[in-house]
Amino acid sequence: MLPILGPIGILVLIGYAMGRGATGLDTRTLSTVVVMVAAPALIFSSLTSLEITPQAVVAISGAAALCLAISALLAALVLKLTGGSLRSFLPVLMMPNSGNMGLPLVMLAFGDAGRELAAAYFVVVALAQHSIGMSIYAGSFKVGTLLRQPLIYSVLLVVLVLTTGIDVPPVIATTAEMTGGMMVPAMLLLLGTSLARLRVADLKSAVVLAFGRLAIGVISAICVIWILGLEGMPAGVVFLMATMPTAIVIYVFSERYNRDPERVVGVVVVSTLLTFACLPGLTWIALRMAGVAS
């Protein structure tokens, strides 16, 4: 497990140290670069240089959408039974951190082929976070907000390349590969810095919701793998991506629209720490599903 989990832990700790240090890290600028440049470049680079079939990418994208749908149903049921606020905590339990943690973990566990599958999964989750997740907190859906997401245009370009068979010019392919390559370390540094600056306000509630996020992720992943009959690496990728902790961007939305941000940030911190503690077990299960571990 050390070659897989070690780099993740080291980069997160570096980010944490920078967040606690005097020099700090300009997270606003770095996160903007990640969202506006690095993420679209990684998606374009990964999905236009496929070593796996387009059918596998479509299957993973469908699995991601189904995981989110099942997670939403389970989260709504849990919140209904416990009296929790759907507006405040449905995205918390529904949306995994498939970017900061999921992508690096899958890449280290499964290599380039896993990266391509994880990128397809990440696109679906990222678009859902910036459309459904934001809309829940805002109380309304705005198409303009979604259309301002560069990921959409990156996906459209990928579809154009794959359907027409156009050869991507080497200079564009190399630029996209180099730019996308900075996304994973940047995301891990941002995760560490964010953990250094976030504070838990309601520990009991945070612990309960953090365990809920993990349980919902595991259940939704197992259900989707069974429903779609996934085997091998796709099953392992879906399991890891679905079981990641609450996404940090959910806290950003809750703060913007003033939907219990103090409690939401607590869930983000505790959920992330809980997932870190469970990473060896989650990774081992995913490797077993992929037929890599015994």
C-alpha atoms as a PDB file:
ATOM      1  CA  MET A   1       0.000   0.000   0.000  1.00  0.00           C
ATOM      2  CA  LEU A   2       2.919   2.382   0.664  1.00  0.00           C
ATOM      3  CA  PRO A   3       3.690   3.185  -3.009  1.00  0.00           C
ATOM      4  CA  ILE A   4      -0.010   4.030  -3.495  1.00  0.00           C
ATOM      5  CA  LEU A   5      -0.850   5.887  -0.293  1.00  0.00           C
ATOM      6  CA  GLY A   6       2.582   7.347   0.522  1.00  0.00           C
ATOM      7  CA  PRO A   7       2.682  10.062  -2.169  1.00  0.00           C
ATOM      8  CA  ILE A   8      -0.871  11.133  -1.310  1.00  0.00           C
ATOM      9  CA  GLY A   9      -0.055  11.474   2.383  1.00  0.00           C
ATOM     10  CA  ILE A  10       3.216  13.327   1.729  1.00  0.00           C
ATOM     11  CA  LEU A  11       1.664  15.913  -0.602  1.00  0.00           C
ATOM     12  CA  VAL A  12      -1.281  16.489   1.730  1.00  0.00           C
ATOM     13  CA  LEU A  13       1.126  16.986   4.646  1.00  0.00           C
ATOM     14  CA  ILE A  14       3.157  19.468   2.591  1.00  0.00           C
ATOM     15  CA  GLY A  15      -0.034  21.374   1.837  1.00  0.00           C
ATOM     16  CA  TYR A  16      -1.021  21.237   5.507  1.00  0.00           C
ATOM     17  CA  ALA A  17       2.372  22.600   6.569  1.00  0.00           C
ATOM     18  CA  MET A  18       2.106  25.410   4.028  1.00  0.00           C
ATOM     19  CA  GLY A  19      -1.373  26.229   5.281  1.00  0.00           C
ATOM     20  CA  ARG A  20      -0.133  26.449   8.866  1.00  0.00           C
ATOM     21  CA  GLY A  21       3.089  28.278   7.998  1.00  0.00           C
ATOM     22  CA  ALA A  22       3.754  31.997   7.831  1.00  0.00           C
ATOM     23  CA  THR A  23       4.118  32.098   4.051  1.00  0.00           C
ATOM     24  CA  GLY A  24       0.863  30.226   3.453  1.00  0.00           C
ATOM     25  CA  LEU A  25      -0.498  29.188   0.079  1.00  0.00           C
ATOM     26  CA  ASP A  26      -2.686  31.328  -2.152  1.00  0.00           C
ATOM     27  CA  THR A  27      -5.466  28.772  -2.399  1.00  0.00           C
ATOM     28  CA  ARG A  28      -7.830  31.062  -4.291  1.00  0.00           C
ATOM     29  CA  THR A  29      -5.389  31.489  -7.194  1.00  0.00           C
ATOM     30  CA  LEU A  30      -4.291  27.855  -7.202  1.00  0.00           C
ATOM     31  CA  SER A  31      -7.848  26.527  -7.071  1.00  0.00           C
ATOM     32  CA  THR A  32      -8.808  28.851  -9.930  1.00  0.00           C
ATOM     33  CA  VAL A  33      -5.935  27.496 -12.032  1.00  0.00           C
ATOM     34  CA  VAL A  34      -6.988  23.929 -11.220  1.00  0.00           C
ATOM     35  CA  VAL A  35     -10.655  24.466 -12.094  1.00  0.00           C
ATOM     36  CA  MET A  36     -10.205  26.735 -15.100  1.00  0.00           C
ATOM     37  CA  VAL A  37      -7.081  25.225 -16.691  1.00  0.00           C
ATOM     38  CA  ALA A  38      -5.657  22.018 -15.214  1.00  0.00           C
ATOM     39  CA  ALA A  39      -8.881  20.002 -14.853  1.00  0.00           C
ATOM     40  CA  PRO A  40     -10.138  20.649 -18.414  1.00  0.00           C
ATOM     41  CA  ALA A  41      -6.645  19.913 -19.753  1.00  0.00           C
ATOM     42  CA  LEU A  42      -6.457  16.616 -17.848  1.00  0.00           C
ATOM     43  CA  ILE A  43      -9.885  15.569 -19.124  1.00  0.00           C
ATOM     44  CA  PHE A  44      -8.982  16.447 -22.713  1.00  0.00           C
ATOM     45  CA  SER A  45      -5.561  14.807 -22.547  1.00  0.00           C
ATOM     46  CA  SER A  46      -6.820  11.630 -20.871  1.00  0.00           C
ATOM     47  CA  LEU A  47      -9.901  11.047 -22.997  1.00  0.00           C
ATOM     48  CA  THR A  48      -8.378  11.895 -26.389  1.00  0.00           C
ATOM     49  CA  SER A  49      -5.443   9.533 -25.903  1.00  0.00           C
ATOM     50  CA  LEU A  50      -7.518   6.557 -24.851  1.00  0.00           C
ATOM     51  CA  GLU A  51      -5.917   3.176 -24.367  1.00  0.00           C
ATOM     52  CA  ILE A  52      -9.300   1.892 -23.241  1.00  0.00           C
ATOM     53  CA  THR A  53     -12.413   1.706 -25.380  1.00  0.00           C
ATOM     54  CA  PRO A  54     -14.881   4.600 -25.597  1.00  0.00           C
ATOM     55  CA  GLN A  55     -17.516   2.098 -24.479  1.00  0.00           C
ATOM     56  CA  ALA A  56     -15.654   1.682 -21.187  1.00  0.00           C
ATOM     57  CA  VAL A  57     -15.612   5.460 -20.704  1.00  0.00           C
ATOM     58  CA  VAL A  58     -19.364   5.642 -21.346  1.00  0.00           C
ATOM     59  CA  ALA A  59     -19.917   2.794 -18.872  1.00  0.00           C
ATOM     60  CA  ILE A  60     -17.890   4.560 -16.164  1.00  0.00           C
ATOM     61  CA  SER A  61     -19.700   7.843 -16.783  1.00  0.00           C
ATOM     62  CA  GLY A  62     -23.025   6.041 -16.430  1.00  0.00           C
ATOM     63  CA  ALA A  63     -21.780   4.356 -13.267  1.00  0.00           C
ATOM     64  CA  ALA A  64     -20.845   7.751 -11.814  1.00  0.00           C
ATOM     65  CA  ALA A  65     -24.300   9.177 -12.556  1.00  0.00           C
ATOM     66  CA  LEU A  66     -25.981   6.107 -11.049  1.00  0.00           C
ATOM     67  CA  CYS A  67     -23.769   6.302  -7.943  1.00  0.00           C
ATOM     68  CA  LEU A  68     -24.792   9.917  -7.447  1.00  0.00           C
ATOM     69  CA  ALA A  69     -28.474   9.073  -7.908  1.00  0.00           C
ATOM     70  CA  ILE A  70     -28.358   6.222  -5.382  1.00  0.00           C
ATOM     71  CA  SER A  71     -26.348   8.369  -2.962  1.00  0.00           C
ATOM     72  CA  ALA A  72     -28.945  11.138  -3.262  1.00  0.00           C
ATOM     73  CA  LEU A  73     -31.786   8.729  -2.473  1.00  0.00           C
ATOM     74  CA  LEU A  74     -29.958   7.213   0.501  1.00  0.00           C
ATOM     75  CA  ALA A  75     -28.925  10.650   1.806  1.00  0.00           C
ATOM     76  CA  ALA A  76     -32.487  11.985   1.511  1.00  0.00           C
ATOM     77  CA  LEU A  77     -33.814   8.937   3.378  1.00  0.00           C
ATOM     78  CA  VAL A  78     -31.249   9.308   6.177  1.00  0.00           C
ATOM     79  CA  LEU A  79     -31.913  13.034   6.567  1.00  0.00           C
ATOM     80  CA  LYS A  80     -35.679  12.466   6.515  1.00  0.00           C
ATOM     81  CA  LEU A  81     -35.444   9.859   9.283  1.00  0.00           C
ATOM     82  CA  THR A  82     -33.056  11.940  11.405  1.00  0.00           C
ATOM     83  CA  GLY A  83     -34.710  15.316  10.834  1.00  0.00           C
ATOM     84  CA  GLY A  84     -31.665  16.799   9.106  1.00  0.00           C
ATOM     85  CA  SER A  85     -31.922  19.662   6.641  1.00  0.00           C
ATOM     86  CA  LEU A  86     -31.978  18.558   3.008  1.00  0.00           C
ATOM     87  CA  ARG A  87     -30.875  22.024   1.847  1.00  0.00           C
ATOM     88  CA  SER A  88     -27.842  21.949   4.136  1.00  0.00           C
ATOM     89  CA  PHE A  89     -26.710  18.326   4.142  1.00  0.00           C
ATOM     90  CA  LEU A  90     -27.978  16.507   1.042  1.00  0.00           C
ATOM     91  CA  PRO A  91     -24.912  17.605  -1.014  1.00  0.00           C
ATOM     92  CA  VAL A  92     -22.683  16.769   1.964  1.00  0.00           C
ATOM     93  CA  LEU A  93     -23.770  13.132   1.955  1.00  0.00           C
ATOM     94  CA  MET A  94     -24.196  12.878  -1.812  1.00  0.00           C
ATOM     95  CA  MET A  95     -21.097  14.463  -3.387  1.00  0.00           C
ATOM     96  CA  PRO A  96     -17.701  12.705  -3.003  1.00  0.00           C
ATOM     97  CA  ASN A  97     -14.311  14.381  -3.272  1.00  0.00           C
ATOM     98  CA  SER A  98     -13.465  12.548  -6.477  1.00  0.00           C
ATOM     99  CA  GLY A  99     -11.012  15.262  -7.533  1.00  0.00           C
ATOM    100  CA  ASN A 100      -8.627  16.033  -4.675  1.00  0.00           C
ATOM    101  CA  MET A 101      -8.514  12.453  -3.396  1.00  0.00           C
ATOM    102  CA  GLY A 102     -10.171  10.141  -5.909  1.00  0.00           C
ATOM    103  CA  LEU A 103      -8.107  10.970  -8.990  1.00  0.00           C
ATOM    104  CA  PRO A 104      -4.663  10.723  -7.312  1.00  0.00           C
ATOM    105  CA  LEU A 105      -5.634   7.504  -5.532  1.00  0.00           C
ATOM    106  CA  VAL A 106      -6.888   5.784  -8.686  1.00  0.00           C
ATOM    107  CA  MET A 107      -3.874   6.925 -10.712  1.00  0.00           C
ATOM    108  CA  LEU A 108      -1.458   5.519  -8.156  1.00  0.00           C
ATOM    109  CA  ALA A 109      -3.438   2.312  -7.737  1.00  0.00           C
ATOM    110  CA  PHE A 110      -4.207   1.528 -11.398  1.00  0.00           C
ATOM    111  CA  GLY A 111      -1.853   3.620 -13.542  1.00  0.00           C
ATOM    112  CA  ASP A 112      -2.709   5.324 -16.834  1.00  0.00           C
ATOM    113  CA  ALA A 113      -5.669   3.087 -17.668  1.00  0.00           C
ATOM    114  CA  GLY A 114      -7.156   3.849 -14.269  1.00  0.00           C
ATOM    115  CA  ARG A 115      -6.530   7.561 -14.814  1.00  0.00           C
ATOM    116  CA  GLU A 116      -8.646   7.529 -17.966  1.00  0.00           C
ATOM    117  CA  LEU A 117     -11.544   5.828 -16.200  1.00  0.00           C
ATOM    118  CA  ALA A 118     -11.204   8.111 -13.179  1.00  0.00           C
ATOM    119  CA  ALA A 119     -11.197  11.177 -15.432  1.00  0.00           C
ATOM    120  CA  ALA A 120     -14.506  10.105 -16.989  1.00  0.00           C
ATOM    121  CA  TYR A 121     -15.975   9.534 -13.521  1.00  0.00           C
ATOM    122  CA  PHE A 122     -14.636  12.873 -12.279  1.00  0.00           C
ATOM    123  CA  VAL A 123     -16.277  14.801 -15.134  1.00  0.00           C
ATOM    124  CA  VAL A 124     -19.736  13.575 -14.110  1.00  0.00           C
ATOM    125  CA  VAL A 125     -19.203  14.319 -10.423  1.00  0.00           C
ATOM    126  CA  ALA A 126     -17.664  17.752 -11.051  1.00  0.00           C
ATOM    127  CA  LEU A 127     -20.533  18.797 -13.307  1.00  0.00           C
ATOM    128  CA  ALA A 128     -23.045  17.518 -10.755  1.00  0.00           C
ATOM    129  CA  GLN A 129     -21.325  19.461  -7.968  1.00  0.00           C
ATOM    130  CA  HIS A 130     -21.393  22.722  -9.924  1.00  0.00           C
ATOM    131  CA  SER A 131     -24.983  22.259 -11.094  1.00  0.00           C
ATOM    132  CA  ILE A 132     -27.053  20.096  -8.726  1.00  0.00           C
ATOM    133  CA  GLY A 133     -24.951  20.750  -5.626  1.00  0.00           C
ATOM    134  CA  MET A 134     -24.810  24.501  -6.109  1.00  0.00           C
ATOM    135  CA  SER A 135     -28.495  24.646  -7.039  1.00  0.00           C
ATOM    136  CA  ILE A 136     -29.548  22.900  -3.819  1.00  0.00           C
ATOM    137  CA  TYR A 137     -27.792  25.552  -1.748  1.00  0.00           C
ATOM    138  CA  ALA A 138     -28.905  28.420  -3.982  1.00  0.00           C
ATOM    139  CA  GLY A 139     -32.504  27.232  -4.082  1.00  0.00           C
ATOM    140  CA  SER A 140     -32.659  27.523  -7.883  1.00  0.00           C
ATOM    141  CA  PHE A 141     -30.937  26.176 -10.975  1.00  0.00           C
ATOM    142  CA  LYS A 142     -29.124  28.586 -13.283  1.00  0.00           C
ATOM    143  CA  VAL A 143     -28.008  27.327 -16.674  1.00  0.00           C
ATOM    144  CA  GLY A 144     -25.584  30.225 -17.001  1.00  0.00           C
ATOM    145  CA  THR A 145     -23.589  29.004 -13.997  1.00  0.00           C
ATOM    146  CA  LEU A 146     -23.173  25.589 -15.562  1.00  0.00           C
ATOM    147  CA  LEU A 147     -22.200  27.040 -18.939  1.00  0.00           C
ATOM    148  CA  ARG A 148     -19.368  28.958 -17.284  1.00  0.00           C
ATOM    149  CA  GLN A 149     -17.664  25.702 -16.289  1.00  0.00           C
ATOM    150  CA  PRO A 150     -14.679  24.983 -18.597  1.00  0.00           C
ATOM    151  CA  LEU A 151     -15.134  21.245 -18.014  1.00  0.00           C
ATOM    152  CA  ILE A 152     -18.210  21.304 -20.248  1.00  0.00           C
ATOM    153  CA  TYR A 153     -16.275  22.645 -23.224  1.00  0.00           C
ATOM    154  CA  SER A 154     -13.431  20.229 -22.578  1.00  0.00           C
ATOM    155  CA  VAL A 155     -15.909  17.345 -22.734  1.00  0.00           C
ATOM    156  CA  LEU A 156     -17.469  18.734 -25.941  1.00  0.00           C
ATOM    157  CA  LEU A 157     -14.031  18.880 -27.541  1.00  0.00           C
ATOM    158  CA  VAL A 158     -13.371  15.290 -26.484  1.00  0.00           C
ATOM    159  CA  VAL A 159     -16.653  14.175 -28.042  1.00  0.00           C
ATOM    160  CA  LEU A 160     -15.773  16.055 -31.250  1.00  0.00           C
ATOM    161  CA  VAL A 161     -12.353  14.379 -31.473  1.00  0.00           C
ATOM    162  CA  LEU A 162     -13.666  10.893 -30.734  1.00  0.00           C
ATOM    163  CA  THR A 163     -16.661  11.065 -33.085  1.00  0.00           C
ATOM    164  CA  THR A 164     -14.871  12.643 -36.040  1.00  0.00           C
ATOM    165  CA  GLY A 165     -11.535  10.884 -35.693  1.00  0.00           C
ATOM    166  CA  ILE A 166      -9.650  14.191 -35.906  1.00  0.00           C
ATOM    167  CA  ASP A 167      -5.964  13.910 -35.013  1.00  0.00           C
ATOM    168  CA  VAL A 168      -5.090  16.270 -32.188  1.00  0.00           C
ATOM    169  CA  PRO A 169      -2.065  18.380 -33.226  1.00  0.00           C
ATOM    170  CA  PRO A 170       1.028  17.303 -31.269  1.00  0.00           C
ATOM    171  CA  VAL A 171       1.580  20.787 -29.845  1.00  0.00           C
ATOM    172  CA  ILE A 172      -1.969  20.826 -28.398  1.00  0.00           C
ATOM    173  CA  ALA A 173      -1.709  17.253 -27.136  1.00  0.00           C
ATOM    174  CA  THR A 174       1.614  17.953 -25.402  1.00  0.00           C
ATOM    175  CA  THR A 175       0.365  21.217 -23.912  1.00  0.00           C
ATOM    176  CA  ALA A 176      -2.769  19.536 -22.566  1.00  0.00           C
ATOM    177  CA  GLU A 177      -0.738  16.674 -21.105  1.00  0.00           C
ATOM    178  CA  MET A 178       1.716  19.025 -19.379  1.00  0.00           C
ATOM    179  CA  THR A 179      -1.019  21.295 -18.055  1.00  0.00           C
ATOM    180  CA  GLY A 180      -3.208  18.442 -16.890  1.00  0.00           C
ATOM    181  CA  GLY A 181      -0.227  16.869 -15.150  1.00  0.00           C
ATOM    182  CA  MET A 182      -0.179  19.604 -12.528  1.00  0.00           C
ATOM    183  CA  MET A 183      -3.760  18.924 -11.450  1.00  0.00           C
ATOM    184  CA  VAL A 184      -3.143  15.982  -9.122  1.00  0.00           C
ATOM    185  CA  PRO A 185      -0.307  17.469  -7.011  1.00  0.00           C
ATOM    186  CA  ALA A 186      -2.083  20.837  -6.945  1.00  0.00           C
ATOM    187  CA  MET A 187      -5.297  19.222  -5.698  1.00  0.00           C
ATOM    188  CA  LEU A 188      -3.486  17.349  -2.929  1.00  0.00           C
ATOM    189  CA  LEU A 189      -1.689  20.530  -1.834  1.00  0.00           C
ATOM    190  CA  LEU A 190      -5.040  22.356  -1.782  1.00  0.00           C
ATOM    191  CA  LEU A 191      -6.579  19.559   0.264  1.00  0.00           C
ATOM    192  CA  GLY A 192      -3.812  19.764   2.881  1.00  0.00           C
ATOM    193  CA  THR A 193      -3.958  23.552   3.062  1.00  0.00           C
ATOM    194  CA  SER A 194      -7.745  23.507   3.385  1.00  0.00           C
ATOM    195  CA  LEU A 195      -7.574  21.013   6.250  1.00  0.00           C
ATOM    196  CA  ALA A 196      -5.096  23.285   8.025  1.00  0.00           C
ATOM    197  CA  ARG A 197      -7.483  26.241   7.871  1.00  0.00           C
ATOM    198  CA  LEU A 198     -10.865  24.601   8.441  1.00  0.00           C
ATOM    199  CA  ARG A 199     -12.256  24.255  11.963  1.00  0.00           C
ATOM    200  CA  VAL A 200     -14.816  21.801  13.347  1.00  0.00           C
ATOM    201  CA  ALA A 201     -17.718  23.536  15.092  1.00  0.00           C
ATOM    202  CA  ASP A 202     -20.036  20.607  15.977  1.00  0.00           C
ATOM    203  CA  LEU A 203     -17.922  17.473  16.418  1.00  0.00           C
ATOM    204  CA  LYS A 204     -20.753  15.046  17.229  1.00  0.00           C
ATOM    205  CA  SER A 205     -22.784  16.008  14.176  1.00  0.00           C
ATOM    206  CA  ALA A 206     -19.659  15.997  12.012  1.00  0.00           C
ATOM    207  CA  VAL A 207     -18.722  12.467  13.076  1.00  0.00           C
ATOM    208  CA  VAL A 208     -22.234  11.124  12.416  1.00  0.00           C
ATOM    209  CA  LEU A 209     -22.460  12.713   8.979  1.00  0.00           C
ATOM    210  CA  ALA A 210     -18.896  11.664   8.104  1.00  0.00           C
ATOM    211  CA  PHE A 211     -19.699   8.023   8.828  1.00  0.00           C
ATOM    212  CA  GLY A 212     -22.903   8.502   6.843  1.00  0.00           C
ATOM    213  CA  ARG A 213     -20.960   9.775   3.808  1.00  0.00           C
ATOM    214  CA  LEU A 214     -18.619   6.784   3.942  1.00  0.00           C
ATOM    215  CA  ALA A 215     -21.447   4.272   4.379  1.00  0.00           C
ATOM    216  CA  ILE A 216     -23.495   5.819   1.566  1.00  0.00           C
ATOM    217  CA  GLY A 217     -20.448   5.796  -0.708  1.00  0.00           C
ATOM    218  CA  VAL A 218     -19.739   2.112  -0.037  1.00  0.00           C
ATOM    219  CA  ILE A 219     -23.384   1.068  -0.467  1.00  0.00           C
ATOM    220  CA  SER A 220     -23.883   3.061  -3.672  1.00  0.00           C
ATOM    221  CA  ALA A 221     -20.645   1.684  -5.150  1.00  0.00           C
ATOM    222  CA  ILE A 222     -21.546  -1.924  -4.384  1.00  0.00           C
ATOM    223  CA  CYS A 223     -25.069  -1.445  -5.765  1.00  0.00           C
ATOM    224  CA  VAL A 224     -23.809   0.090  -9.012  1.00  0.00           C
ATOM    225  CA  ILE A 225     -21.102  -2.544  -9.498  1.00  0.00           C
ATOM    226  CA  TRP A 226     -23.759  -5.245  -9.055  1.00  0.00           C
ATOM    227  CA  ILE A 227     -26.445  -3.559 -11.191  1.00  0.00           C
ATOM    228  CA  LEU A 228     -24.086  -2.851 -14.104  1.00  0.00           C
ATOM    229  CA  GLY A 229     -22.152  -6.100 -13.721  1.00  0.00           C
ATOM    230  CA  LEU A 230     -18.805  -4.296 -13.536  1.00  0.00           C
ATOM    231  CA  GLU A 231     -15.681  -6.418 -13.200  1.00  0.00           C
ATOM    232  CA  GLY A 232     -11.940  -5.874 -13.028  1.00  0.00           C
ATOM    233  CA  MET A 233     -10.457  -2.393 -13.060  1.00  0.00           C
ATOM    234  CA  PRO A 234     -13.742  -0.537 -13.758  1.00  0.00           C
ATOM    235  CA  ALA A 235     -15.216  -2.043 -10.591  1.00  0.00           C
ATOM    236  CA  GLY A 236     -12.176  -1.008  -8.549  1.00  0.00           C
ATOM    237  CA  VAL A 237     -12.224   2.523  -9.956  1.00  0.00           C
ATOM    238  CA  VAL A 238     -15.938   2.982  -9.244  1.00  0.00           C
ATOM    239  CA  PHE A 239     -15.501   1.707  -5.694  1.00  0.00           C
ATOM    240  CA  LEU A 240     -12.660   4.106  -4.891  1.00  0.00           C
ATOM    241  CA  MET A 241     -14.223   7.154  -6.539  1.00  0.00           C
ATOM    242  CA  ALA A 242     -17.616   6.593  -4.877  1.00  0.00           C
ATOM    243  CA  THR A 243     -16.227   6.128  -1.358  1.00  0.00           C
ATOM    244  CA  MET A 244     -14.264   9.362  -1.162  1.00  0.00           C
ATOM    245  CA  PRO A 245     -15.100  11.922   1.578  1.00  0.00           C
ATOM    246  CA  THR A 246     -17.289  15.010   1.298  1.00  0.00           C
ATOM    247  CA  ALA A 247     -15.974  17.379  -1.371  1.00  0.00           C
ATOM    248  CA  ILE A 248     -14.412  20.639  -0.173  1.00  0.00           C
ATOM    249  CA  VAL A 249     -16.288  22.559  -2.872  1.00  0.00           C
ATOM    250  CA  ILE A 250     -19.528  21.692  -1.042  1.00  0.00           C
ATOM    251  CA  TYR A 251     -18.331  23.781   1.890  1.00  0.00           C
ATOM    252  CA  VAL A 252     -17.603  26.653  -0.510  1.00  0.00           C
ATOM    253  CA  PHE A 253     -21.199  26.529  -1.756  1.00  0.00           C
ATOM    254  CA  SER A 254     -22.649  26.279   1.755  1.00  0.00           C
ATOM    255  CA  GLU A 255     -20.663  29.332   2.825  1.00  0.00           C
ATOM    256  CA  ARG A 256     -21.658  31.314  -0.269  1.00  0.00           C
ATOM    257  CA  TYR A 257     -25.368  30.709   0.344  1.00  0.00           C
ATOM    258  CA  ASN A 258     -25.147  30.606   4.160  1.00  0.00           C
ATOM    259  CA  ARG A 259     -26.472  27.073   4.604  1.00  0.00           C
ATOM    260  CA  ASP A 260     -24.947  25.916   7.933  1.00  0.00           C
ATOM    261  CA  PRO A 261     -21.331  26.473   6.778  1.00  0.00           C
ATOM    262  CA  GLU A 262     -19.934  25.927  10.308  1.00  0.00           C
ATOM    263  CA  ARG A 263     -21.427  22.429  10.455  1.00  0.00           C
ATOM    264  CA  VAL A 264     -20.680  21.593   6.831  1.00  0.00           C
ATOM    265  CA  VAL A 265     -17.004  22.439   7.220  1.00  0.00           C
ATOM    266  CA  GLY A 266     -16.846  20.116  10.224  1.00  0.00           C
ATOM    267  CA  VAL A 267     -18.163  17.262   8.102  1.00  0.00           C
ATOM    268  CA  VAL A 268     -15.575  17.983   5.401  1.00  0.00           C
ATOM    269  CA  VAL A 269     -12.706  17.804   7.911  1.00  0.00           C
ATOM    270  CA  VAL A 270     -13.907  14.730   9.814  1.00  0.00           C
ATOM    271  CA  SER A 271     -14.983  12.927   6.640  1.00  0.00           C
ATOM    272  CA  THR A 272     -11.567  13.487   5.084  1.00  0.00           C
ATOM    273  CA  LEU A 273      -9.720  12.263   8.186  1.00  0.00           C
ATOM    274  CA  LEU A 274     -12.025   9.231   8.430  1.00  0.00           C
ATOM    275  CA  THR A 275     -11.386   8.322   4.806  1.00  0.00           C
ATOM    276  CA  PHE A 276      -7.626   8.697   5.283  1.00  0.00           C
ATOM    277  CA  ALA A 277      -7.864   6.243   8.187  1.00  0.00           C
ATOM    278  CA  CYS A 278      -9.827   3.810   6.001  1.00  0.00           C
ATOM    279  CA  LEU A 279      -7.732   4.230   2.835  1.00  0.00           C
ATOM    280  CA  PRO A 280      -5.698   1.030   3.273  1.00  0.00           C
ATOM    281  CA  GLY A 281      -8.863  -1.027   3.581  1.00  0.00           C
ATOM    282  CA  LEU A 282     -10.714   0.784   0.792  1.00  0.00           C
ATOM    283  CA  THR A 283      -7.719   0.485  -1.532  1.00  0.00           C
ATOM    284  CA  TRP A 284      -7.275  -3.216  -0.754  1.00  0.00           C
ATOM    285  CA  ILE A 285     -10.950  -3.888  -1.540  1.00  0.00           C
ATOM    286  CA  ALA A 286     -10.650  -1.984  -4.830  1.00  0.00           C
ATOM    287  CA  LEU A 287      -7.514  -3.908  -5.793  1.00  0.00           C
ATOM    288  CA  ARG A 288      -9.267  -7.185  -4.969  1.00  0.00           C
ATOM    289  CA  MET A 289     -12.187  -6.183  -7.191  1.00  0.00           C
ATOM    290  CA  ALA A 290      -9.729  -5.422  -9.981  1.00  0.00           C
ATOM    291  CA  GLY A 291      -7.976  -8.749  -9.489  1.00  0.00           C
ATOM    292  CA  VAL A 292      -4.709  -7.078  -8.504  1.00  0.00           C
ATOM    293  CA  ALA A 293      -4.561  -8.035  -4.807  1.00  0.00           C
ATOM    294  CA  SER A 294      -5.187 -11.380  -3.180  1.00  0.00           C
END
